[in-house]
C-alpha cells in the first residue's frame, strides 16, 4: 500500500485490529503539526492496544460488540469535514482498510 499524503490539511486513517501495525507506522511518520482522525474497529474493549500519534491526531476505538461501525464512522467524519461549497479548496487524505480491502483516497 502506498502512503503519500504530501501537503494535506487533514488526514483520516481507518482500519481494524489487523491494520494496527500499519496505522502505527503511518502515525510514527507524521510530522508533529499533522491534524486528523484515526478510527480503529476492534471486537471488544479487550482488543484495544493504545496507539500514539501527533497531538492533533485523535484516535477513536470502535467496539464491534457494542455495535460501533468503522464504515459509519468514516462516512460521518467525511460528511462533516469535507466542505460542501464548490469554491472552497480543501486537502483531505484518507487511508482506509476494512474487510481486507485497503484504499487510499484523496480530495485532490
N, C-alpha and C. Protein backbone atom coordinates (compact mmCIF):
# COMPACT_ATOMS: atom_id res chain seq x y z
N UNK A 1 0.84 -1.17 0.00
CA UNK A 1 0.00 0.00 0.00
C UNK A 1 0.89 1.24 0.00
N UNK A 2 0.56 2.18 -0.84
CA UNK A 2 1.33 3.41 -0.95
C UNK A 2 0.77 4.47 0.00
N UNK A 3 1.62 5.14 0.72
CA UNK A 3 1.23 6.22 1.63
C UNK A 3 1.99 7.45 1.22
N UNK A 4 1.31 8.42 0.60
CA UNK A 4 1.98 9.63 0.14
C UNK A 4 1.05 10.83 0.24
N UNK A 5 0.79 11.31 1.45
CA UNK A 5 -0.17 12.39 1.62
C UNK A 5 0.30 13.76 1.15
N UNK A 6 1.58 13.97 0.95
CA UNK A 6 2.16 15.28 0.58
C UNK A 6 1.58 16.38 1.45
N UNK A 7 1.19 17.48 0.86
CA UNK A 7 0.65 18.62 1.63
C UNK A 7 -0.86 18.43 1.80
N UNK A 8 -1.26 18.16 3.01
CA UNK A 8 -2.68 17.94 3.28
C UNK A 8 -3.09 18.73 4.51
N UNK A 9 -4.35 19.20 4.52
CA UNK A 9 -4.87 19.92 5.68
C UNK A 9 -5.26 18.97 6.80
N UNK A 10 -5.94 17.88 6.41
CA UNK A 10 -6.41 16.90 7.39
C UNK A 10 -6.21 15.51 6.82
N UNK A 11 -6.05 14.56 7.73
CA UNK A 11 -5.96 13.18 7.26
C UNK A 11 -6.90 12.30 8.05
N UNK A 12 -7.28 11.22 7.42
CA UNK A 12 -8.15 10.23 8.02
C UNK A 12 -7.50 8.87 7.84
N UNK A 13 -7.32 8.15 8.93
CA UNK A 13 -6.82 6.78 8.89
C UNK A 13 -7.87 5.90 9.52
N UNK A 14 -8.15 4.76 8.91
CA UNK A 14 -9.18 3.88 9.45
C UNK A 14 -8.84 2.43 9.14
N UNK A 15 -9.07 1.56 10.12
CA UNK A 15 -8.81 0.15 9.90
C UNK A 15 -9.32 -0.69 11.06
N UNK A 16 -9.03 -1.96 10.98
CA UNK A 16 -9.42 -2.90 12.02
C UNK A 16 -8.18 -3.31 12.82
N UNK A 17 -8.38 -4.26 13.73
CA UNK A 17 -7.24 -4.72 14.53
C UNK A 17 -6.11 -5.25 13.65
N UNK A 18 -6.43 -5.76 12.47
CA UNK A 18 -5.38 -6.24 11.56
C UNK A 18 -4.54 -5.10 10.99
N UNK A 19 -5.07 -3.88 11.02
CA UNK A 19 -4.38 -2.72 10.46
C UNK A 19 -3.48 -2.01 11.46
N UNK A 20 -3.52 -2.39 12.72
CA UNK A 20 -2.80 -1.66 13.77
C UNK A 20 -1.31 -1.48 13.45
N UNK A 21 -0.58 -2.50 12.99
CA UNK A 21 0.84 -2.26 12.67
C UNK A 21 1.05 -1.19 11.60
N UNK A 22 0.21 -1.18 10.58
CA UNK A 22 0.31 -0.17 9.52
C UNK A 22 -0.05 1.21 10.07
N UNK A 23 -1.12 1.29 10.85
CA UNK A 23 -1.52 2.57 11.45
C UNK A 23 -0.41 3.13 12.33
N UNK A 24 0.22 2.27 13.12
CA UNK A 24 1.34 2.71 13.97
C UNK A 24 2.48 3.28 13.12
N UNK A 25 2.82 2.60 12.05
CA UNK A 25 3.91 3.05 11.18
C UNK A 25 3.57 4.39 10.53
N UNK A 26 2.35 4.53 10.07
CA UNK A 26 1.94 5.80 9.45
C UNK A 26 1.99 6.92 10.48
N UNK A 27 1.42 6.70 11.66
CA UNK A 27 1.42 7.73 12.70
C UNK A 27 2.84 8.12 13.10
N UNK A 28 3.73 7.17 13.17
CA UNK A 28 5.12 7.46 13.53
C UNK A 28 5.82 8.31 12.47
N UNK A 29 5.33 8.25 11.24
CA UNK A 29 5.96 9.00 10.15
C UNK A 29 5.41 10.41 9.98
N UNK A 30 4.34 10.74 10.70
CA UNK A 30 3.69 12.04 10.52
C UNK A 30 4.47 13.16 11.21
N UNK A 31 4.42 14.35 10.64
CA UNK A 31 5.05 15.50 11.30
C UNK A 31 4.24 15.90 12.54
N UNK A 32 4.87 16.58 13.46
CA UNK A 32 4.21 16.99 14.71
C UNK A 32 3.00 17.88 14.46
N UNK A 33 2.97 18.60 13.36
CA UNK A 33 1.86 19.53 13.07
C UNK A 33 0.68 18.85 12.37
N UNK A 34 0.75 17.55 12.13
CA UNK A 34 -0.32 16.83 11.44
C UNK A 34 -1.63 16.94 12.22
N UNK A 35 -2.75 17.00 11.46
CA UNK A 35 -4.08 17.05 12.06
C UNK A 35 -4.95 15.98 11.42
N UNK A 36 -5.77 15.33 12.23
CA UNK A 36 -6.66 14.36 11.64
C UNK A 36 -7.30 13.42 12.64
N UNK A 37 -7.84 12.33 12.11
CA UNK A 37 -8.61 11.37 12.89
C UNK A 37 -8.19 9.96 12.51
N UNK A 38 -8.12 9.09 13.52
CA UNK A 38 -7.86 7.67 13.30
C UNK A 38 -9.03 6.91 13.92
N UNK A 39 -9.62 5.99 13.15
CA UNK A 39 -10.66 5.09 13.65
C UNK A 39 -10.11 3.67 13.58
N UNK A 40 -10.23 2.94 14.70
CA UNK A 40 -9.79 1.55 14.73
C UNK A 40 -10.96 0.72 15.26
N UNK A 41 -11.45 -0.20 14.43
CA UNK A 41 -12.55 -1.07 14.84
C UNK A 41 -11.98 -2.39 15.36
N UNK A 42 -12.35 -2.73 16.60
CA UNK A 42 -11.89 -3.98 17.22
C UNK A 42 -13.10 -4.73 17.76
N UNK A 43 -12.91 -6.01 18.07
CA UNK A 43 -14.02 -6.85 18.53
C UNK A 43 -14.60 -6.36 19.86
N UNK A 44 -13.73 -6.03 20.82
CA UNK A 44 -14.20 -5.61 22.14
C UNK A 44 -13.13 -4.74 22.80
N UNK A 45 -13.46 -4.21 23.97
CA UNK A 45 -12.52 -3.36 24.70
C UNK A 45 -11.23 -4.10 25.05
N UNK A 46 -11.30 -5.42 25.16
CA UNK A 46 -10.10 -6.21 25.46
C UNK A 46 -9.06 -6.15 24.34
N UNK A 47 -9.48 -5.76 23.15
CA UNK A 47 -8.58 -5.72 21.98
C UNK A 47 -7.93 -4.36 21.77
N UNK A 48 -8.23 -3.39 22.61
CA UNK A 48 -7.63 -2.06 22.46
C UNK A 48 -6.16 -2.13 22.82
N UNK A 49 -5.33 -1.66 21.91
CA UNK A 49 -3.88 -1.64 22.08
C UNK A 49 -3.44 -0.21 21.75
N UNK A 50 -3.28 0.66 22.75
CA UNK A 50 -3.08 2.09 22.51
C UNK A 50 -2.08 2.42 21.40
N UNK A 51 -2.44 3.42 20.63
CA UNK A 51 -1.62 3.91 19.52
C UNK A 51 -1.33 5.38 19.78
N UNK A 52 -0.07 5.77 19.65
CA UNK A 52 0.31 7.17 19.84
C UNK A 52 0.54 7.83 18.49
N UNK A 53 0.20 9.10 18.44
CA UNK A 53 0.43 9.89 17.23
C UNK A 53 0.65 11.34 17.61
N UNK A 54 0.78 12.20 16.63
CA UNK A 54 0.92 13.63 16.92
C UNK A 54 -0.28 14.13 17.74
N UNK A 55 -0.07 15.16 18.52
CA UNK A 55 -1.08 15.67 19.44
C UNK A 55 -2.39 16.09 18.81
N UNK A 56 -2.38 16.46 17.54
CA UNK A 56 -3.60 16.92 16.88
C UNK A 56 -4.23 15.83 16.00
N UNK A 57 -3.80 14.60 16.21
CA UNK A 57 -4.41 13.45 15.53
C UNK A 57 -5.09 12.62 16.62
N UNK A 58 -6.41 12.55 16.55
CA UNK A 58 -7.20 11.86 17.55
C UNK A 58 -7.41 10.40 17.15
N UNK A 59 -7.29 9.49 18.12
CA UNK A 59 -7.52 8.06 17.88
C UNK A 59 -8.81 7.66 18.58
N UNK A 60 -9.73 7.07 17.82
CA UNK A 60 -11.02 6.63 18.35
C UNK A 60 -11.15 5.12 18.15
N UNK A 61 -11.39 4.42 19.23
CA UNK A 61 -11.56 2.97 19.18
C UNK A 61 -13.04 2.65 19.06
N UNK A 62 -13.40 1.82 18.09
CA UNK A 62 -14.79 1.41 17.84
C UNK A 62 -14.94 -0.05 18.22
N UNK A 63 -15.94 -0.35 19.03
CA UNK A 63 -16.11 -1.70 19.57
C UNK A 63 -17.26 -2.41 18.85
N UNK A 64 -16.93 -3.45 18.10
CA UNK A 64 -17.95 -4.20 17.36
C UNK A 64 -19.01 -4.78 18.29
N UNK A 65 -18.60 -5.24 19.47
CA UNK A 65 -19.57 -5.86 20.38
C UNK A 65 -20.56 -4.84 20.95
N UNK A 66 -20.32 -3.57 20.71
CA UNK A 66 -21.26 -2.51 21.11
C UNK A 66 -21.95 -1.90 19.90
N UNK A 67 -21.76 -2.51 18.73
CA UNK A 67 -22.45 -2.06 17.53
C UNK A 67 -21.80 -0.86 16.84
N UNK A 68 -20.58 -0.53 17.22
CA UNK A 68 -19.91 0.61 16.60
C UNK A 68 -19.29 0.16 15.28
N UNK A 69 -19.40 1.00 14.25
CA UNK A 69 -19.01 0.60 12.90
C UNK A 69 -17.96 1.52 12.30
N UNK A 70 -16.94 0.92 11.72
CA UNK A 70 -15.89 1.67 11.03
C UNK A 70 -16.48 2.44 9.85
N UNK A 71 -17.29 1.78 9.05
CA UNK A 71 -17.86 2.43 7.87
C UNK A 71 -18.71 3.64 8.25
N UNK A 72 -19.58 3.50 9.23
CA UNK A 72 -20.42 4.64 9.65
C UNK A 72 -19.57 5.78 10.19
N UNK A 73 -18.53 5.46 10.93
CA UNK A 73 -17.67 6.50 11.50
C UNK A 73 -16.92 7.24 10.40
N UNK A 74 -16.39 6.50 9.43
CA UNK A 74 -15.68 7.14 8.31
C UNK A 74 -16.63 8.01 7.51
N UNK A 75 -17.81 7.48 7.18
CA UNK A 75 -18.79 8.26 6.42
C UNK A 75 -19.18 9.53 7.15
N UNK A 76 -19.41 9.44 8.45
CA UNK A 76 -19.79 10.61 9.25
C UNK A 76 -18.67 11.64 9.29
N UNK A 77 -17.44 11.18 9.49
CA UNK A 77 -16.30 12.10 9.54
C UNK A 77 -16.15 12.83 8.22
N UNK A 78 -16.22 12.08 7.12
CA UNK A 78 -16.07 12.70 5.80
C UNK A 78 -17.19 13.70 5.52
N UNK A 79 -18.43 13.37 5.89
CA UNK A 79 -19.53 14.30 5.63
C UNK A 79 -19.40 15.56 6.47
N UNK A 80 -18.79 15.45 7.63
CA UNK A 80 -18.59 16.63 8.48
C UNK A 80 -17.38 17.45 8.06
N UNK A 81 -16.31 16.80 7.66
CA UNK A 81 -15.05 17.50 7.39
C UNK A 81 -14.89 18.01 5.97
N UNK A 82 -15.54 17.38 5.01
CA UNK A 82 -15.40 17.84 3.63
C UNK A 82 -16.37 19.00 3.38
N UNK A 83 -15.87 20.10 2.88
CA UNK A 83 -16.75 21.25 2.63
C UNK A 83 -17.72 20.94 1.50
N UNK A 84 -18.89 21.53 1.59
CA UNK A 84 -19.89 21.34 0.54
C UNK A 84 -19.87 22.47 -0.48
N UNK A 85 -19.20 23.56 -0.17
CA UNK A 85 -19.12 24.66 -1.11
C UNK A 85 -18.13 24.31 -2.21
N UNK A 86 -18.54 24.47 -3.46
CA UNK A 86 -17.68 24.11 -4.58
C UNK A 86 -16.46 25.01 -4.70
N UNK A 87 -16.56 26.24 -4.23
CA UNK A 87 -15.44 27.17 -4.40
C UNK A 87 -14.43 27.08 -3.27
N UNK A 88 -14.69 26.26 -2.28
CA UNK A 88 -13.77 26.15 -1.14
C UNK A 88 -12.77 25.03 -1.40
N UNK A 89 -11.49 25.38 -1.34
CA UNK A 89 -10.44 24.38 -1.55
C UNK A 89 -10.20 23.61 -0.26
N UNK A 90 -9.95 22.34 -0.39
CA UNK A 90 -9.66 21.50 0.77
C UNK A 90 -8.69 20.40 0.37
N UNK A 91 -7.91 19.98 1.32
CA UNK A 91 -6.96 18.88 1.10
C UNK A 91 -7.13 17.87 2.22
N UNK A 92 -7.81 16.79 1.91
CA UNK A 92 -8.01 15.70 2.86
C UNK A 92 -7.41 14.45 2.25
N UNK A 93 -6.64 13.72 3.04
CA UNK A 93 -6.04 12.48 2.57
C UNK A 93 -6.53 11.37 3.50
N UNK A 94 -6.97 10.27 2.92
CA UNK A 94 -7.50 9.18 3.74
C UNK A 94 -6.88 7.85 3.34
N UNK A 95 -6.61 7.02 4.35
CA UNK A 95 -6.19 5.64 4.15
C UNK A 95 -7.16 4.80 4.94
N UNK A 96 -7.93 3.95 4.25
CA UNK A 96 -8.98 3.16 4.88
C UNK A 96 -8.77 1.70 4.55
N UNK A 97 -8.72 0.86 5.58
CA UNK A 97 -8.56 -0.58 5.40
C UNK A 97 -9.66 -1.27 6.17
N UNK A 98 -10.61 -1.82 5.47
CA UNK A 98 -11.71 -2.52 6.12
C UNK A 98 -12.07 -3.75 5.32
N UNK A 99 -12.38 -4.82 5.97
CA UNK A 99 -12.75 -6.09 5.33
C UNK A 99 -11.67 -6.56 4.36
N UNK A 100 -10.40 -6.26 4.70
CA UNK A 100 -9.30 -6.75 3.90
C UNK A 100 -9.01 -5.98 2.63
N UNK A 101 -9.73 -4.89 2.38
CA UNK A 101 -9.50 -4.12 1.16
C UNK A 101 -9.04 -2.71 1.52
N UNK A 102 -7.75 -2.47 1.41
CA UNK A 102 -7.21 -1.14 1.73
C UNK A 102 -7.43 -0.21 0.56
N UNK A 103 -7.75 1.04 0.89
CA UNK A 103 -7.95 2.05 -0.14
C UNK A 103 -7.30 3.35 0.31
N UNK A 104 -6.76 4.07 -0.64
CA UNK A 104 -6.23 5.39 -0.37
C UNK A 104 -7.11 6.38 -1.12
N UNK A 105 -7.62 7.37 -0.41
CA UNK A 105 -8.49 8.38 -1.01
C UNK A 105 -7.85 9.74 -0.85
N UNK A 106 -8.02 10.57 -1.83
CA UNK A 106 -7.50 11.93 -1.74
C UNK A 106 -8.52 12.87 -2.34
N UNK A 107 -8.67 14.05 -1.74
CA UNK A 107 -9.63 15.02 -2.25
C UNK A 107 -9.03 15.87 -3.36
N UNK A 108 -7.77 15.69 -3.67
CA UNK A 108 -7.12 16.49 -4.73
C UNK A 108 -7.50 15.97 -6.09
